[in-house]
Amino acid sequence: MGKVKIYAILGSLALLVILGLASWGLYVLGDADQSALERWRDIAVIFVILLFLVVVVLLGGIAAALAYLVFQIKDRVIPLLEELTGTAKRIRGTASFVTEETVKPIMSIVSTYAKMRAMTRTVTGKDHKAKSKRS
């Protein structure tokens, strides 16, 4: 991390020196009949235009990067969503199959038990529910 900080400081100093030299050079290039304020105004206009161009280039780069990311995401996400939809359908089918197959034996046992109770009541002629309510 120390090297990055040193490079940032040196880069900033180099940029300040370059801007200072550019300002001095532009000031010297001004006409002799211009006042100092007019020269500095012209230099400021030049720097504003240069900064505007830098901002336009940066915004164009950002827009291009975002467009690239959108296309990359679209190309990767749509097939992934289709695969997830297929997986969800497969899981739903598996869950319904397992539910049906697990309930069938239980239902057959319960129905067989109910049949046997009904047969026992019919054969013996006793009503077990009536006895339990009386006591």
C-alpha atoms as a PDB file:
ATOM      1  CA  MET A   1       0.000   0.000   0.000  1.00  0.00           C
ATOM      2  CA  GLY A   2       2.968   2.318   0.580  1.00  0.00           C
ATOM      3  CA  LYS A   3       4.046   2.212  -3.072  1.00  0.00           C
ATOM      4  CA  VAL A   4       0.591   3.188  -4.276  1.00  0.00           C
ATOM      5  CA  LYS A   5       0.539   6.193  -1.968  1.00  0.00           C
ATOM      6  CA  ILE A   6       3.991   7.315  -3.157  1.00  0.00           C
ATOM      7  CA  TYR A   7       2.963   6.917  -6.812  1.00  0.00           C
ATOM      8  CA  ALA A   8      -0.208   8.948  -6.184  1.00  0.00           C
ATOM      9  CA  ILE A   9       1.743  11.766  -4.536  1.00  0.00           C
ATOM     10  CA  LEU A  10       4.398  11.802  -7.277  1.00  0.00           C
ATOM     11  CA  GLY A  11       1.726  11.711  -9.989  1.00  0.00           C
ATOM     12  CA  SER A  12      -0.122  14.621  -8.404  1.00  0.00           C
ATOM     13  CA  LEU A  13       3.074  16.659  -8.135  1.00  0.00           C
ATOM     14  CA  ALA A  14       3.965  15.883 -11.761  1.00  0.00           C
ATOM     15  CA  LEU A  15       0.476  16.950 -12.864  1.00  0.00           C
ATOM     16  CA  LEU A  16       0.782  20.221 -10.933  1.00  0.00           C
ATOM     17  CA  VAL A  17       4.190  20.921 -12.492  1.00  0.00           C
ATOM     18  CA  ILE A  18       2.843  20.195 -15.989  1.00  0.00           C
ATOM     19  CA  LEU A  19      -0.187  22.438 -15.418  1.00  0.00           C
ATOM     20  CA  GLY A  20       2.061  25.185 -14.041  1.00  0.00           C
ATOM     21  CA  LEU A  21       4.406  24.969 -17.044  1.00  0.00           C
ATOM     22  CA  ALA A  22       1.440  24.941 -19.441  1.00  0.00           C
ATOM     23  CA  SER A  23      -0.037  28.007 -17.736  1.00  0.00           C
ATOM     24  CA  TRP A  24       3.292  29.845 -17.847  1.00  0.00           C
ATOM     25  CA  GLY A  25       3.768  28.894 -21.522  1.00  0.00           C
ATOM     26  CA  LEU A  26       0.282  30.072 -22.446  1.00  0.00           C
ATOM     27  CA  TYR A  27       0.806  33.290 -20.496  1.00  0.00           C
ATOM     28  CA  VAL A  28       4.053  34.002 -22.345  1.00  0.00           C
ATOM     29  CA  LEU A  29       2.393  33.280 -25.698  1.00  0.00           C
ATOM     30  CA  GLY A  30      -0.180  36.037 -25.119  1.00  0.00           C
ATOM     31  CA  ASP A  31      -0.024  39.258 -27.130  1.00  0.00           C
ATOM     32  CA  ALA A  32       1.911  42.209 -25.783  1.00  0.00           C
ATOM     33  CA  ASP A  33      -1.149  44.455 -25.988  1.00  0.00           C
ATOM     34  CA  GLN A  34      -3.192  42.117 -23.698  1.00  0.00           C
ATOM     35  CA  SER A  35      -3.403  42.790 -20.002  1.00  0.00           C
ATOM     36  CA  ALA A  36      -2.503  40.064 -17.501  1.00  0.00           C
ATOM     37  CA  LEU A  37      -6.163  39.545 -16.645  1.00  0.00           C
ATOM     38  CA  GLU A  38      -7.064  38.929 -20.300  1.00  0.00           C
ATOM     39  CA  ARG A  39      -4.237  36.418 -20.623  1.00  0.00           C
ATOM     40  CA  TRP A  40      -5.368  34.526 -17.496  1.00  0.00           C
ATOM     41  CA  ARG A  41      -8.948  34.566 -18.787  1.00  0.00           C
ATOM     42  CA  ASP A  42      -7.827  32.971 -22.053  1.00  0.00           C
ATOM     43  CA  ILE A  43      -5.762  30.379 -20.169  1.00  0.00           C
ATOM     44  CA  ALA A  44      -8.763  29.573 -17.944  1.00  0.00           C
ATOM     45  CA  VAL A  45     -10.985  29.114 -21.013  1.00  0.00           C
ATOM     46  CA  ILE A  46      -8.420  26.741 -22.542  1.00  0.00           C
ATOM     47  CA  PHE A  47      -8.250  24.677 -19.328  1.00  0.00           C
ATOM     48  CA  VAL A  48     -12.054  24.577 -19.032  1.00  0.00           C
ATOM     49  CA  ILE A  49     -12.316  23.269 -22.593  1.00  0.00           C
ATOM     50  CA  LEU A  50      -9.603  20.663 -21.941  1.00  0.00           C
ATOM     51  CA  LEU A  51     -11.352  19.505 -18.763  1.00  0.00           C
ATOM     52  CA  PHE A  52     -14.647  19.347 -20.646  1.00  0.00           C
ATOM     53  CA  LEU A  53     -13.031  17.122 -23.276  1.00  0.00           C
ATOM     54  CA  VAL A  54     -11.586  14.875 -20.563  1.00  0.00           C
ATOM     55  CA  VAL A  55     -15.022  14.581 -18.937  1.00  0.00           C
ATOM     56  CA  VAL A  56     -16.665  13.752 -22.274  1.00  0.00           C
ATOM     57  CA  VAL A  57     -14.078  11.050 -22.983  1.00  0.00           C
ATOM     58  CA  LEU A  58     -14.496   9.585 -19.479  1.00  0.00           C
ATOM     59  CA  LEU A  59     -18.288   9.580 -19.736  1.00  0.00           C
ATOM     60  CA  GLY A  60     -18.077   7.928 -23.148  1.00  0.00           C
ATOM     61  CA  GLY A  61     -15.812   5.257 -21.694  1.00  0.00           C
ATOM     62  CA  ILE A  62     -18.170   4.703 -18.781  1.00  0.00           C
ATOM     63  CA  ALA A  63     -21.156   4.423 -21.139  1.00  0.00           C
ATOM     64  CA  ALA A  64     -19.289   1.930 -23.326  1.00  0.00           C
ATOM     65  CA  ALA A  65     -18.285  -0.117 -20.271  1.00  0.00           C
ATOM     66  CA  LEU A  66     -21.878  -0.170 -19.017  1.00  0.00           C
ATOM     67  CA  ALA A  67     -23.161  -1.251 -22.429  1.00  0.00           C
ATOM     68  CA  TYR A  68     -20.561  -4.033 -22.507  1.00  0.00           C
ATOM     69  CA  LEU A  69     -21.587  -5.153 -19.011  1.00  0.00           C
ATOM     70  CA  VAL A  70     -25.273  -5.136 -19.941  1.00  0.00           C
ATOM     71  CA  PHE A  71     -24.642  -7.363 -22.956  1.00  0.00           C
ATOM     72  CA  GLN A  72     -22.413  -9.697 -20.939  1.00  0.00           C
ATOM     73  CA  ILE A  73     -24.996  -9.985 -18.188  1.00  0.00           C
ATOM     74  CA  LYS A  74     -27.799 -10.495 -20.703  1.00  0.00           C
ATOM     75  CA  ASP A  75     -25.874 -13.262 -22.448  1.00  0.00           C
ATOM     76  CA  ARG A  76     -25.181 -15.034 -19.159  1.00  0.00           C
ATOM     77  CA  VAL A  77     -28.329 -14.373 -17.140  1.00  0.00           C
ATOM     78  CA  ILE A  78     -30.991 -15.358 -19.691  1.00  0.00           C
ATOM     79  CA  PRO A  79     -29.663 -18.934 -20.152  1.00  0.00           C
ATOM     80  CA  LEU A  80     -29.236 -19.184 -16.384  1.00  0.00           C
ATOM     81  CA  LEU A  81     -32.851 -18.112 -15.821  1.00  0.00           C
ATOM     82  CA  GLU A  82     -34.063 -20.664 -18.380  1.00  0.00           C
ATOM     83  CA  GLU A  83     -32.074 -23.369 -16.604  1.00  0.00           C
ATOM     84  CA  LEU A  84     -33.497 -22.301 -13.233  1.00  0.00           C
ATOM     85  CA  THR A  85     -37.032 -22.409 -14.649  1.00  0.00           C
ATOM     86  CA  GLY A  86     -36.453 -25.954 -15.894  1.00  0.00           C
ATOM     87  CA  THR A  87     -35.023 -26.968 -12.532  1.00  0.00           C
ATOM     88  CA  ALA A  88     -38.013 -25.475 -10.696  1.00  0.00           C
ATOM     89  CA  LYS A  89     -40.435 -27.403 -12.943  1.00  0.00           C
ATOM     90  CA  ARG A  90     -38.474 -30.608 -12.378  1.00  0.00           C
ATOM     91  CA  ILE A  91     -38.499 -30.079  -8.596  1.00  0.00           C
ATOM     92  CA  ARG A  92     -42.236 -29.330  -8.643  1.00  0.00           C
ATOM     93  CA  GLY A  93     -42.894 -32.567 -10.557  1.00  0.00           C
ATOM     94  CA  THR A  94     -40.665 -34.556  -8.225  1.00  0.00           C
ATOM     95  CA  ALA A  95     -42.378 -33.103  -5.157  1.00  0.00           C
ATOM     96  CA  SER A  96     -45.860 -33.948  -6.452  1.00  0.00           C
ATOM     97  CA  PHE A  97     -44.740 -37.485  -7.394  1.00  0.00           C
ATOM     98  CA  VAL A  98     -43.170 -38.071  -3.977  1.00  0.00           C
ATOM     99  CA  THR A  99     -46.256 -36.665  -2.262  1.00  0.00           C
ATOM    100  CA  GLU A 100     -48.580 -38.973  -4.189  1.00  0.00           C
ATOM    101  CA  GLU A 101     -46.378 -42.027  -3.716  1.00  0.00           C
ATOM    102  CA  THR A 102     -45.964 -41.394   0.025  1.00  0.00           C
ATOM    103  CA  VAL A 103     -49.661 -40.839   0.634  1.00  0.00           C
ATOM    104  CA  LYS A 104     -50.861 -43.910  -1.321  1.00  0.00           C
ATOM    105  CA  PRO A 105     -49.620 -46.547   1.182  1.00  0.00           C
ATOM    106  CA  ILE A 106     -50.893 -44.561   4.164  1.00  0.00           C
ATOM    107  CA  MET A 107     -54.297 -44.081   2.547  1.00  0.00           C
ATOM    108  CA  SER A 108     -54.537 -47.764   1.663  1.00  0.00           C
ATOM    109  CA  ILE A 109     -53.684 -48.753   5.260  1.00  0.00           C
ATOM    110  CA  VAL A 110     -56.237 -46.312   6.679  1.00  0.00           C
ATOM    111  CA  SER A 111     -58.926 -47.465   4.262  1.00  0.00           C
ATOM    112  CA  THR A 112     -58.191 -51.132   5.032  1.00  0.00           C
ATOM    113  CA  TYR A 113     -58.415 -50.390   8.773  1.00  0.00           C
ATOM    114  CA  ALA A 114     -61.729 -48.582   8.277  1.00  0.00           C
ATOM    115  CA  LYS A 115     -63.079 -51.507   6.261  1.00  0.00           C
ATOM    116  CA  MET A 116     -62.053 -53.966   8.970  1.00  0.00           C
ATOM    117  CA  ARG A 117     -63.720 -51.871  11.688  1.00  0.00           C
ATOM    118  CA  ALA A 118     -66.884 -51.610   9.648  1.00  0.00           C
ATOM    119  CA  MET A 119     -66.863 -55.382   9.043  1.00  0.00           C
ATOM    120  CA  THR A 120     -66.235 -56.039  12.745  1.00  0.00           C
ATOM    121  CA  ARG A 121     -69.133 -53.800  13.736  1.00  0.00           C
ATOM    122  CA  THR A 122     -71.359 -55.425  11.174  1.00  0.00           C
ATOM    123  CA  VAL A 123     -70.437 -58.982  12.197  1.00  0.00           C
ATOM    124  CA  THR A 124     -70.559 -58.402  15.960  1.00  0.00           C
ATOM    125  CA  GLY A 125     -73.440 -55.994  15.851  1.00  0.00           C
ATOM    126  CA  LYS A 126     -71.732 -53.716  18.347  1.00  0.00           C
ATOM    127  CA  ASP A 127     -71.252 -50.022  17.925  1.00  0.00           C
ATOM    128  CA  HIS A 128     -67.972 -49.046  19.616  1.00  0.00           C
ATOM    129  CA  LYS A 129     -68.693 -45.338  19.291  1.00  0.00           C
ATOM    130  CA  ALA A 130     -71.983 -45.604  21.144  1.00  0.00           C
ATOM    131  CA  LYS A 131     -70.363 -47.389  24.118  1.00  0.00           C
ATOM    132  CA  SER A 132     -67.594 -44.832  24.453  1.00  0.00           C
ATOM    133  CA  LYS A 133     -70.121 -41.974  24.531  1.00  0.00           C
ATOM    134  CA  ARG A 134     -72.273 -43.616  27.220  1.00  0.00           C
ATOM    135  CA  SER A 135     -69.438 -44.156  29.702  1.00  0.00           C
END
